[in-house]
Amino acid sequence: MKLIIFDCDGTIVDSAAAIVATMERAFEINNLTPPSPDAVRNAIGLSLETCLASLVDDRGAVPALAQAYREEFAASGKAQAHDLFPGALALIMELVARTDMVLGIATGKSRRGLDAVLDHHDLDAHFVTTKTADDAPSKPHPGMALACMDEAGASPADTLVIGDTTYDIEMARNAGAGAIGVCWGSHDATTLLTSGAHSVVYDFPRLLPAIDGYFSGAKGA
């Protein structure tokens, strides 16, 4: 049985604008100058505290920023407002219908944030394993991927991670799994390939052939 582990933000759901806006508000609440939108987008995929630590000079400000971010995000309902990327639902349903694959999620979101997205889009039943920043260290640490494999009963050789950032790709390779980068999220194709992606795709219709190609032996480096 093959295990396909999806990232969430920037891979399944288009959440960048909501994350940037909430991050700006968290900094403003704490009387700090917000980071640039590009800096925030580049850090999407990390756990919240790790993301914030990369965006602020004073590490002591991270707990207050994290609290403000979580409160603002929950109050605004932004998690529920994330739209699925075009083609995401069709691909998920196509993979779920197959008998040779099961699906998982490994995300830097909190458990509450991921559950809100899955519940809103009625996707929870389609994933046999889901791991969040509440369950393991931040990407690129392999903990989330390894926990998904353990729960699904899959080996690294039978596991493929799909993500839009170098953090996803490096997590996969650190866990001994394969990795395919997607180019509609935070990081570009060159960056994803340099970080170790076996291939990259530019839209969801090309993802299924890339998945099948990986498992058929076209794994690259």
Protein backbone atom coordinates (compact mmCIF):
# COMPACT_ATOMS: atom_id res chain seq x y z
CA MET A 1 0.00 0.00 0.00
CA LYS A 2 1.32 3.44 -0.99
CA LEU A 3 0.98 6.45 1.32
CA ILE A 4 0.57 9.93 -0.18
CA ILE A 5 1.18 12.65 2.43
CA PHE A 6 -0.09 16.10 1.49
CA ASP A 7 0.94 19.39 2.98
CA CYS A 8 -2.07 21.66 3.63
CA ASP A 9 -1.32 25.41 3.32
CA GLY A 10 -0.18 26.29 -0.18
CA THR A 11 -0.72 22.75 -1.43
CA ILE A 12 -4.37 21.84 -0.86
CA VAL A 13 -5.74 25.18 0.31
CA ASP A 14 -5.00 28.74 -0.84
CA SER A 15 -4.32 30.28 2.55
CA ALA A 16 -1.39 32.65 1.94
CA ALA A 17 -3.41 35.89 1.93
CA ALA A 18 -5.18 34.98 5.17
CA ILE A 19 -1.93 34.00 6.86
CA VAL A 20 -0.18 37.21 5.77
CA ALA A 21 -3.08 39.37 6.99
CA THR A 22 -3.27 37.59 10.33
CA MET A 23 0.48 37.82 10.80
CA GLU A 24 0.40 41.56 10.15
CA ARG A 25 -2.37 41.96 12.71
CA ALA A 26 -0.48 39.91 15.33
CA PHE A 27 2.56 42.17 14.97
CA GLU A 28 0.42 45.31 15.14
CA ILE A 29 -1.28 44.07 18.31
CA ASN A 30 2.17 43.72 19.85
CA ASN A 31 3.31 47.15 18.62
CA LEU A 32 5.89 45.62 16.30
CA THR A 33 6.60 46.39 12.65
CA PRO A 34 5.08 43.59 10.56
CA PRO A 35 7.39 41.58 8.30
CA SER A 36 7.02 41.90 4.55
CA PRO A 37 4.38 39.73 2.86
CA ASP A 38 7.15 37.94 0.96
CA ALA A 39 8.94 37.07 4.20
CA VAL A 40 5.74 35.64 5.66
CA ARG A 41 4.97 33.62 2.53
CA ASN A 42 8.48 32.20 2.52
CA ALA A 43 7.97 30.92 6.09
CA ILE A 44 4.54 29.37 5.51
CA GLY A 45 4.75 25.66 6.26
CA LEU A 46 6.78 25.98 9.43
CA SER A 47 5.09 25.58 12.79
CA LEU A 48 3.81 28.91 14.10
CA GLU A 49 6.51 29.47 16.72
CA THR A 50 9.28 28.48 14.29
CA CYS A 51 7.77 30.76 11.65
CA LEU A 52 7.61 33.68 14.07
CA ALA A 53 11.17 33.11 15.27
CA SER A 54 12.31 33.53 11.67
CA LEU A 55 10.40 36.80 11.32
CA VAL A 56 11.29 38.71 14.50
CA ASP A 57 14.63 39.82 15.92
CA ASP A 58 13.53 39.52 19.55
CA ARG A 59 12.85 35.82 20.21
CA GLY A 60 11.29 36.81 23.51
CA ALA A 61 8.37 38.31 21.58
CA VAL A 62 7.44 34.96 20.01
CA PRO A 63 4.99 33.71 22.71
CA ALA A 64 2.95 36.92 22.68
CA LEU A 65 2.94 37.02 18.88
CA ALA A 66 1.84 33.40 18.72
CA GLN A 67 -1.01 34.01 21.12
CA ALA A 68 -2.15 37.08 19.19
CA TYR A 69 -1.96 35.19 15.90
CA ARG A 70 -4.01 32.26 17.18
CA GLU A 71 -6.64 34.49 18.75
CA GLU A 72 -6.96 36.65 15.64
CA PHE A 73 -7.10 33.65 13.32
CA ALA A 74 -9.78 31.92 15.39
CA ALA A 75 -11.85 35.07 15.85
CA SER A 76 -11.83 35.90 12.15
CA GLY A 77 -12.74 32.40 10.99
CA LYS A 78 -9.98 32.56 8.38
CA ALA A 79 -9.26 28.83 8.53
CA GLN A 80 -12.77 28.01 7.41
CA ALA A 81 -12.50 30.58 4.60
CA HIS A 82 -9.54 28.90 2.89
CA ASP A 83 -10.46 27.91 -0.64
CA LEU A 84 -9.25 24.63 -2.13
CA PHE A 85 -6.91 25.10 -5.06
CA PRO A 86 -8.57 24.31 -8.41
CA GLY A 87 -8.36 20.60 -9.04
CA ALA A 88 -7.52 19.66 -5.45
CA LEU A 89 -10.83 18.02 -4.62
CA ALA A 90 -10.97 16.08 -7.89
CA LEU A 91 -7.48 14.67 -7.34
CA ILE A 92 -8.18 13.74 -3.72
CA MET A 93 -11.35 11.91 -4.74
CA GLU A 94 -9.51 10.13 -7.56
CA LEU A 95 -6.80 8.95 -5.18
CA VAL A 96 -9.32 7.88 -2.53
CA ALA A 97 -11.06 5.70 -5.11
CA ARG A 98 -7.88 3.75 -5.78
CA THR A 99 -7.17 0.54 -3.90
CA ASP A 100 -3.38 0.86 -3.96
CA MET A 101 -3.05 4.18 -2.09
CA VAL A 102 -4.07 5.86 1.16
CA LEU A 103 -3.79 9.55 1.99
CA GLY A 104 -2.32 11.52 4.88
CA ILE A 105 -1.60 15.12 5.82
CA ALA A 106 1.48 16.62 7.49
CA THR A 107 1.08 20.33 8.16
CA GLY A 108 2.57 23.17 10.14
CA LYS A 109 -0.98 24.17 11.10
CA SER A 110 -2.28 23.49 14.58
CA ARG A 111 -4.66 20.59 15.12
CA ARG A 112 -7.49 23.06 15.57
CA GLY A 113 -6.60 24.84 12.33
CA LEU A 114 -6.35 21.67 10.28
CA ASP A 115 -9.59 20.27 11.69
CA ALA A 116 -11.36 23.52 10.77
CA VAL A 117 -10.20 23.24 7.15
CA LEU A 118 -11.04 19.55 6.82
CA ASP A 119 -14.43 19.97 8.45
CA HIS A 120 -15.29 22.98 6.28
CA HIS A 121 -14.53 21.09 3.08
CA ASP A 122 -15.84 17.73 4.36
CA LEU A 123 -12.46 16.07 3.74
CA ASP A 124 -11.65 14.47 7.08
CA ALA A 125 -12.83 10.97 6.15
CA HIS A 126 -10.48 10.84 3.16
CA PHE A 127 -7.24 10.90 5.17
CA VAL A 128 -6.18 7.87 7.19
CA THR A 129 -3.56 9.85 9.12
CA THR A 130 -3.09 13.57 9.86
CA LYS A 131 -0.21 15.12 11.77
CA THR A 132 0.18 18.77 12.78
CA ALA A 133 2.56 21.07 14.59
CA ASP A 134 0.89 19.88 17.80
CA ASP A 135 2.08 16.32 17.16
CA ALA A 136 5.75 16.63 16.16
CA PRO A 137 8.60 19.13 15.67
CA SER A 138 8.36 21.65 12.87
CA LYS A 139 9.28 20.71 9.33
CA PRO A 140 11.87 19.97 7.98
CA HIS A 141 12.23 17.59 10.94
CA PRO A 142 10.95 14.18 9.73
CA GLY A 143 8.74 13.57 12.76
CA MET A 144 5.38 14.27 11.14
CA ALA A 145 6.15 12.16 8.07
CA LEU A 146 7.46 9.29 10.18
CA ALA A 147 4.38 9.42 12.42
CA CYS A 148 2.12 9.30 9.36
CA MET A 149 4.02 6.28 8.03
CA ASP A 150 3.78 4.51 11.37
CA GLU A 151 0.05 5.14 11.67
CA ALA A 152 -0.64 4.09 8.08
CA GLY A 153 1.69 1.10 8.20
CA ALA A 154 3.75 2.36 5.24
CA SER A 155 7.48 2.16 4.65
CA PRO A 156 9.56 5.14 3.48
CA ALA A 157 9.96 3.46 0.07
CA ASP A 158 6.16 3.38 -0.28
CA THR A 159 5.63 6.98 0.89
CA LEU A 160 5.48 10.17 -1.16
CA VAL A 161 5.14 13.70 0.21
CA ILE A 162 3.42 16.42 -1.84
CA GLY A 163 4.20 20.00 -0.85
CA ASP A 164 4.86 23.56 -1.98
CA THR A 165 7.89 24.41 0.18
CA THR A 166 11.42 23.28 0.78
CA TYR A 167 10.32 22.40 4.31
CA ASP A 168 8.00 19.71 2.89
CA ILE A 169 10.65 18.38 0.53
CA GLU A 170 13.37 18.28 3.20
CA MET A 171 11.00 16.63 5.69
CA ALA A 172 10.29 13.90 3.16
CA ARG A 173 13.92 13.29 2.29
CA ASN A 174 14.90 13.35 5.99
CA ALA A 175 12.30 10.61 6.54
CA GLY A 176 13.59 8.55 3.60
CA ALA A 177 10.44 9.20 1.56
CA GLY A 178 9.92 10.58 -1.91
CA ALA A 179 8.86 14.16 -2.59
CA ILE A 180 7.02 16.03 -5.35
CA GLY A 181 6.93 19.81 -5.29
CA VAL A 182 3.96 21.87 -6.43
CA CYS A 183 4.48 25.30 -7.92
CA TRP A 184 1.26 27.08 -6.97
CA GLY A 185 2.30 27.78 -3.37
CA SER A 186 5.17 29.54 -1.62
CA HIS A 187 8.40 28.29 -3.25
CA ASP A 188 9.36 28.13 -6.92
CA ALA A 189 10.32 25.09 -8.99
CA THR A 190 14.06 25.70 -8.93
CA THR A 191 14.08 26.03 -5.15
CA LEU A 192 11.98 22.88 -4.72
CA LEU A 193 14.21 20.83 -7.01
CA THR A 194 17.36 22.12 -5.33
CA SER A 195 15.97 21.06 -1.95
CA GLY A 196 15.54 17.48 -3.17
CA ALA A 197 12.17 17.17 -4.91
CA HIS A 198 12.08 14.24 -7.31
CA SER A 199 9.91 16.31 -9.63
CA VAL A 200 7.70 19.40 -9.66
CA VAL A 201 4.28 20.02 -11.17
CA TYR A 202 2.48 23.20 -12.14
CA ASP A 203 -1.18 22.21 -11.76
CA PHE A 204 -3.26 19.47 -10.18
CA PRO A 205 -4.03 17.57 -13.42
CA ARG A 206 -0.29 16.85 -13.77
CA LEU A 207 0.06 15.58 -10.23
CA LEU A 208 -1.47 12.13 -10.65
CA PRO A 209 0.85 11.20 -13.56
CA ALA A 210 3.78 12.45 -11.47
CA ILE A 211 2.70 10.27 -8.53
CA ASP A 212 2.35 7.22 -10.74
CA GLY A 213 5.66 8.02 -12.41
CA TYR A 214 7.44 8.16 -9.09
CA PHE A 215 6.17 4.79 -7.96
CA SER A 216 6.78 3.19 -11.33
CA GLY A 217 10.47 3.91 -10.92
CA ALA A 218 11.02 7.37 -12.41
CA LYS A 219 12.30 8.70 -9.09
CA GLY A 220 15.21 10.81 -10.19
CA ALA A 221 17.90 11.56 -7.61
